[in-house]
Amino acid sequence: MVLNFTLLSKLDRLEEQVRFISDSQQDISFRIDDQASQVYTALEEFKNEQSWMSRVSMEIDNKRLNKGEVNANFTWQVKELQRDAKVEFHYSFGENEEFTSVSAKELQNGLFQVKVPFTFEKEPLWQVGLITSDSYHSEETSEKEAIDNSQDVINFYVTVSYGDLVKSSEIQQESLGDLKSSYYGVIQTDVHVFNSKLDVTLINYLMDGESKYVEKATLLKYKGTTLIGEEELQRVKENSPDAAERFFHLNQVDKYENIRLVMKVEYNNGDTFEKEIY
């Protein structure tokens, strides 16, 4: 018994030492991360101080968002600007390598701004999931993706010309993809695959400040390219009237050869969209 007590006491002290070492390692790791963050911040501040111009900032003016039209306002500061220098803003969308150039407007003391207007197709952002017994696969796409992909990002840079001298900033990139879904929100559809049946669920995530929501969801059933039937999904009532999602479901859909399923949604304003989900 004395031997067992001695062994237990040593084991307790060993566990305390292990916990102490583990806590010390975590503390050292946190300190290293914090120091690395401080060094990175200091380097970025030093780079900005030494740079001949500030980083370009982008703000979206969405007053005409409901018409699929917005202005992107770009602002930056040029340091030690020469009199009569020419300041231009160059931009392109997506993979397009050809940049459009516009003259920048000086607001005050080297502070410049340009406004870039563009249009886009208003549509929901689809998130399509496939659930089996041993895996889950999800892909995020939007309608007409191949056509509208050029508006998902905007690439831009600034040049300052004075005499024979031309300075060019680094190319920056900003995402514009969320604008296309900001009007109709996000639709998530999941297909649960069983041996001979399928269950389908749909969630419509509502956007803040917007009143557009899915009123009706219909599953279009195809055999190859032939439409053989359709079924309306049942709406699941939320407990809270202020819920930020709307739920729909359809259970026990028959599987068959060459099956193809397309989800059709109708919004409360009458607009409809379709997406192949299986």
Protein backbone atom coordinates (compact mmCIF):
# COMPACT_ATOMS: atom_id res chain seq x y z
CA MET A 1 0.00 0.00 0.00
CA VAL A 2 2.88 2.35 0.85
CA LEU A 3 4.43 1.57 -2.53
CA ASN A 4 1.15 2.25 -4.35
CA PHE A 5 0.71 5.53 -2.49
CA THR A 6 4.25 6.59 -3.44
CA LEU A 7 3.66 5.71 -7.09
CA LEU A 8 0.37 7.61 -7.15
CA SER A 9 2.03 10.67 -5.62
CA LYS A 10 4.80 10.59 -8.22
CA LEU A 11 2.21 10.16 -10.98
CA ASP A 12 0.27 13.20 -9.72
CA ARG A 13 3.46 15.30 -9.67
CA LEU A 14 4.31 14.10 -13.20
CA GLU A 15 0.85 15.08 -14.47
CA GLU A 16 1.24 18.52 -12.87
CA GLN A 17 4.60 18.95 -14.60
CA VAL A 18 3.11 17.92 -17.94
CA ARG A 19 0.25 20.43 -17.51
CA PHE A 20 2.75 23.13 -16.54
CA ILE A 21 4.89 22.41 -19.63
CA SER A 22 1.79 22.37 -21.84
CA ASP A 23 0.55 25.69 -20.43
CA SER A 24 4.02 27.20 -20.87
CA GLN A 25 4.15 26.06 -24.50
CA GLN A 26 0.74 27.61 -25.19
CA ASP A 27 1.81 30.86 -23.53
CA ILE A 28 5.01 30.96 -25.60
CA SER A 29 3.01 30.22 -28.77
CA PHE A 30 0.55 33.05 -28.02
CA ARG A 31 3.44 35.44 -27.37
CA ILE A 32 5.17 34.48 -30.61
CA ASP A 33 1.93 34.95 -32.59
CA ASP A 34 1.35 38.32 -30.93
CA GLN A 35 4.91 39.46 -31.66
CA ALA A 36 4.66 38.27 -35.26
CA SER A 37 1.42 40.23 -35.66
CA GLN A 38 3.04 43.34 -34.21
CA VAL A 39 6.04 42.98 -36.54
CA TYR A 40 3.74 42.53 -39.55
CA THR A 41 1.71 45.59 -38.58
CA ALA A 42 4.88 47.65 -38.11
CA LEU A 43 6.21 46.54 -41.49
CA GLU A 44 2.94 47.44 -43.21
CA GLU A 45 2.98 50.88 -41.55
CA PHE A 46 6.61 51.36 -42.60
CA LYS A 47 5.81 50.33 -46.18
CA ASN A 48 2.89 52.78 -46.29
CA GLU A 49 5.05 55.58 -44.91
CA GLN A 50 7.77 54.91 -47.50
CA SER A 51 5.35 54.40 -50.39
CA TRP A 52 4.76 57.23 -52.81
CA MET A 53 0.99 56.64 -52.57
CA SER A 54 -1.47 55.07 -50.16
CA ARG A 55 -3.41 51.91 -50.78
CA VAL A 56 -6.55 52.40 -52.88
CA SER A 57 -9.79 51.99 -50.93
CA MET A 58 -13.12 50.99 -52.50
CA GLU A 59 -16.64 51.88 -51.37
CA ILE A 60 -19.85 50.80 -53.08
CA ASP A 61 -22.63 53.32 -53.69
CA ASN A 62 -25.70 51.06 -53.88
CA LYS A 63 -28.45 53.66 -54.28
CA ARG A 64 -29.51 52.02 -57.57
CA LEU A 65 -28.83 48.48 -56.46
CA ASN A 66 -32.44 47.45 -57.08
CA LYS A 67 -31.90 48.30 -60.76
CA GLY A 68 -28.73 46.24 -60.98
CA GLU A 69 -26.58 49.37 -61.18
CA VAL A 70 -23.91 50.53 -58.72
CA ASN A 71 -20.99 52.93 -58.53
CA ALA A 72 -17.68 51.79 -57.06
CA ASN A 73 -15.86 54.78 -55.53
CA PHE A 74 -12.06 54.45 -55.38
CA THR A 75 -10.00 56.84 -53.24
CA TRP A 76 -6.25 57.15 -52.60
CA GLN A 77 -3.57 59.65 -51.54
CA VAL A 78 -0.56 60.57 -53.70
CA LYS A 79 2.43 61.91 -51.74
CA GLU A 80 4.81 64.63 -53.00
CA LEU A 81 2.68 65.26 -56.08
CA GLN A 82 4.32 67.32 -58.81
CA ARG A 83 2.43 70.23 -60.29
CA ASP A 84 0.74 69.33 -63.61
CA ALA A 85 1.22 65.61 -62.97
CA LYS A 86 -1.29 63.32 -64.69
CA VAL A 87 -3.01 60.82 -62.40
CA GLU A 88 -4.94 57.95 -63.98
CA PHE A 89 -6.90 54.98 -62.68
CA HIS A 90 -6.84 51.72 -64.65
CA TYR A 91 -9.30 48.86 -64.11
CA SER A 92 -10.52 45.60 -65.62
CA PHE A 93 -13.06 42.95 -64.62
CA GLY A 94 -12.22 39.31 -63.95
CA GLU A 95 -9.76 37.63 -66.31
CA ASN A 96 -9.86 40.47 -68.81
CA GLU A 97 -6.27 41.63 -69.38
CA GLU A 98 -7.31 44.83 -71.16
CA PHE A 99 -7.56 47.71 -68.70
CA THR A 100 -9.79 50.76 -69.07
CA SER A 101 -8.12 54.05 -68.10
CA VAL A 102 -9.85 57.09 -66.62
CA SER A 103 -8.49 60.40 -65.33
CA ALA A 104 -8.69 60.79 -61.56
CA LYS A 105 -10.28 63.77 -59.86
CA GLU A 106 -8.25 65.50 -57.16
CA LEU A 107 -10.43 66.24 -54.16
CA GLN A 108 -7.80 68.04 -52.08
CA ASN A 109 -4.02 68.06 -51.50
CA GLY A 110 -3.16 64.88 -53.40
CA LEU A 111 -6.35 63.02 -52.44
CA PHE A 112 -7.82 61.49 -55.61
CA GLN A 113 -11.02 59.69 -56.45
CA VAL A 114 -12.71 57.98 -59.41
CA LYS A 115 -16.19 56.53 -59.79
CA VAL A 116 -16.60 53.34 -61.81
CA PRO A 117 -20.21 52.51 -62.75
CA PHE A 118 -21.18 48.98 -63.75
CA THR A 119 -24.25 46.80 -64.09
CA PHE A 120 -24.88 43.20 -63.08
CA GLU A 121 -27.57 40.55 -63.24
CA LYS A 122 -29.57 40.34 -60.02
CA GLU A 123 -29.92 36.73 -58.95
CA PRO A 124 -29.75 34.50 -55.90
CA LEU A 125 -26.50 32.83 -54.91
CA TRP A 126 -27.01 29.08 -55.06
CA GLN A 127 -25.27 26.65 -52.71
CA VAL A 128 -25.86 23.08 -53.90
CA GLY A 129 -25.13 20.17 -51.57
CA LEU A 130 -25.19 16.40 -52.15
CA ILE A 131 -25.41 14.24 -49.02
CA THR A 132 -24.79 10.49 -49.02
CA SER A 133 -24.29 8.02 -46.19
CA ASP A 134 -20.53 8.62 -46.10
CA SER A 135 -19.88 12.03 -47.64
CA TYR A 136 -21.09 15.58 -48.20
CA HIS A 137 -20.27 17.54 -51.35
CA SER A 138 -21.11 21.21 -51.77
CA GLU A 139 -20.55 23.65 -54.60
CA GLU A 140 -21.36 27.36 -54.70
CA THR A 141 -22.43 28.78 -58.04
CA SER A 142 -24.65 31.49 -59.43
CA GLU A 143 -26.89 31.65 -62.46
CA LYS A 144 -25.21 32.51 -65.78
CA GLU A 145 -21.85 32.09 -64.04
CA ALA A 146 -19.89 31.65 -67.26
CA ILE A 147 -21.32 34.87 -68.68
CA ASP A 148 -21.15 37.03 -65.58
CA ASN A 149 -17.90 35.71 -64.10
CA SER A 150 -16.11 38.75 -65.54
CA GLN A 151 -17.91 40.93 -62.98
CA ASP A 152 -17.02 38.87 -59.91
CA VAL A 153 -13.79 40.81 -59.28
CA ILE A 154 -12.32 44.13 -60.32
CA ASN A 155 -8.56 44.59 -60.82
CA PHE A 156 -7.08 48.08 -60.68
CA TYR A 157 -3.93 50.17 -60.33
CA VAL A 158 -2.87 53.85 -60.46
CA THR A 159 -0.29 55.65 -62.58
CA VAL A 160 1.19 59.10 -62.05
CA SER A 161 2.90 60.71 -65.07
CA TYR A 162 5.15 63.77 -65.02
CA GLY A 163 7.23 64.52 -68.08
CA ASP A 164 9.02 61.30 -69.07
CA LEU A 165 8.56 59.77 -65.60
CA VAL A 166 5.73 57.28 -64.99
CA LYS A 167 5.08 55.68 -61.61
CA SER A 168 2.74 52.71 -61.34
CA SER A 169 1.20 51.20 -58.20
CA GLU A 170 0.72 47.52 -57.53
CA ILE A 171 -2.38 45.85 -58.96
CA GLN A 172 -5.13 45.44 -56.36
CA GLN A 173 -8.22 43.28 -56.55
CA GLU A 174 -11.64 43.58 -54.91
CA SER A 175 -14.55 41.15 -54.99
CA LEU A 176 -17.91 42.20 -56.43
CA GLY A 177 -19.60 38.82 -56.28
CA ASP A 178 -21.74 39.58 -53.21
CA LEU A 179 -23.51 42.37 -55.09
CA LYS A 180 -25.28 39.89 -57.35
CA SER A 181 -26.79 38.08 -54.37
CA SER A 182 -27.49 41.16 -52.24
CA TYR A 183 -30.96 41.57 -53.77
CA TYR A 184 -32.28 37.98 -53.78
CA GLY A 185 -30.15 36.51 -51.01
CA VAL A 186 -28.73 33.01 -50.80
CA ILE A 187 -30.48 29.73 -51.61
CA GLN A 188 -29.10 26.50 -50.17
CA THR A 189 -30.40 23.20 -51.56
CA ASP A 190 -29.35 19.80 -50.20
CA VAL A 191 -30.17 16.46 -51.79
CA HIS A 192 -30.06 13.54 -49.32
CA VAL A 193 -29.38 10.35 -51.29
CA PHE A 194 -30.72 7.00 -50.10
CA ASN A 195 -30.90 3.62 -51.84
CA SER A 196 -34.04 4.22 -53.87
CA LYS A 197 -35.26 7.59 -52.60
CA LEU A 198 -34.14 11.21 -52.34
CA ASP A 199 -34.98 13.88 -49.80
CA VAL A 200 -34.67 17.53 -50.84
CA THR A 201 -34.37 20.55 -48.56
CA LEU A 202 -34.18 24.24 -49.45
CA ILE A 203 -33.23 27.18 -47.25
CA ASN A 204 -33.63 30.78 -48.39
CA TYR A 205 -31.34 33.07 -46.37
CA LEU A 206 -32.86 36.55 -46.32
CA MET A 207 -30.74 39.66 -46.79
CA ASP A 208 -30.77 42.48 -44.24
CA GLY A 209 -33.02 45.37 -45.19
CA GLU A 210 -34.61 43.54 -48.14
CA SER A 211 -38.11 42.11 -48.37
CA LYS A 212 -37.49 39.68 -51.26
CA TYR A 213 -38.00 36.05 -50.29
CA VAL A 214 -38.86 32.69 -51.85
CA GLU A 215 -42.63 32.27 -51.89
CA LYS A 216 -42.78 28.94 -53.69
CA ALA A 217 -40.27 26.18 -54.47
CA THR A 218 -40.96 23.48 -57.08
CA LEU A 219 -38.85 20.44 -57.97
CA LEU A 220 -38.82 19.77 -61.73
CA LYS A 221 -38.12 16.08 -62.45
CA TYR A 222 -36.45 15.16 -65.72
CA LYS A 223 -35.52 11.87 -67.34
CA GLY A 224 -32.61 12.97 -69.45
CA THR A 225 -33.93 16.07 -71.20
CA THR A 226 -37.62 15.16 -70.88
CA LEU A 227 -39.70 16.74 -68.11
CA ILE A 228 -41.74 13.94 -66.54
CA GLY A 229 -43.24 15.71 -63.54
CA GLU A 230 -42.95 18.33 -60.84
CA GLU A 231 -43.59 18.51 -57.10
CA GLU A 232 -43.97 21.52 -54.85
CA LEU A 233 -41.85 21.61 -51.71
CA GLN A 234 -43.62 22.07 -48.40
CA ARG A 235 -42.89 25.20 -46.39
CA VAL A 236 -41.74 24.72 -42.80
CA LYS A 237 -43.07 27.52 -40.59
CA GLU A 238 -40.48 29.25 -38.42
CA ASN A 239 -41.05 29.68 -34.70
CA SER A 240 -40.04 33.34 -34.85
CA PRO A 241 -41.69 35.85 -37.22
CA ASP A 242 -38.33 37.63 -37.48
CA ALA A 243 -36.46 34.52 -38.66
CA ALA A 244 -33.71 35.20 -41.20
CA GLU A 245 -34.38 31.98 -43.15
CA ARG A 246 -37.28 30.28 -44.92
CA PHE A 247 -37.29 26.46 -44.98
CA PHE A 248 -38.82 24.08 -47.56
CA HIS A 249 -38.59 20.31 -47.87
CA LEU A 250 -39.73 17.37 -50.01
CA ASN A 251 -39.25 13.76 -48.88
CA GLN A 252 -39.33 10.38 -50.61
CA VAL A 253 -38.59 11.41 -54.19
CA ASP A 254 -38.18 8.31 -56.38
CA LYS A 255 -34.79 7.62 -57.96
CA TYR A 256 -34.79 6.35 -61.55
CA GLU A 257 -32.48 5.94 -64.51
CA ASN A 258 -31.17 9.18 -66.09
CA ILE A 259 -32.72 11.23 -63.30
CA ARG A 260 -32.11 14.97 -63.38
CA LEU A 261 -33.60 17.40 -60.85
CA VAL A 262 -34.02 21.15 -61.30
CA MET A 263 -35.16 23.49 -58.54
CA LYS A 264 -37.48 26.32 -59.53
CA VAL A 265 -38.09 29.13 -57.06
CA GLU A 266 -40.61 31.94 -57.24
CA TYR A 267 -40.08 35.08 -55.18
CA ASN A 268 -42.81 37.17 -53.61
CA ASN A 269 -42.35 39.79 -56.36
CA GLY A 270 -43.04 37.20 -59.07
CA ASP A 271 -39.43 36.71 -60.28
CA THR A 272 -38.42 33.09 -60.90
CA PHE A 273 -35.05 31.32 -61.08
CA GLU A 274 -34.01 27.75 -61.84
CA LYS A 275 -30.99 25.66 -60.86
CA GLU A 276 -30.04 22.05 -61.57
CA ILE A 277 -29.39 20.40 -58.21
CA TYR A 278 -29.02 16.67 -59.09
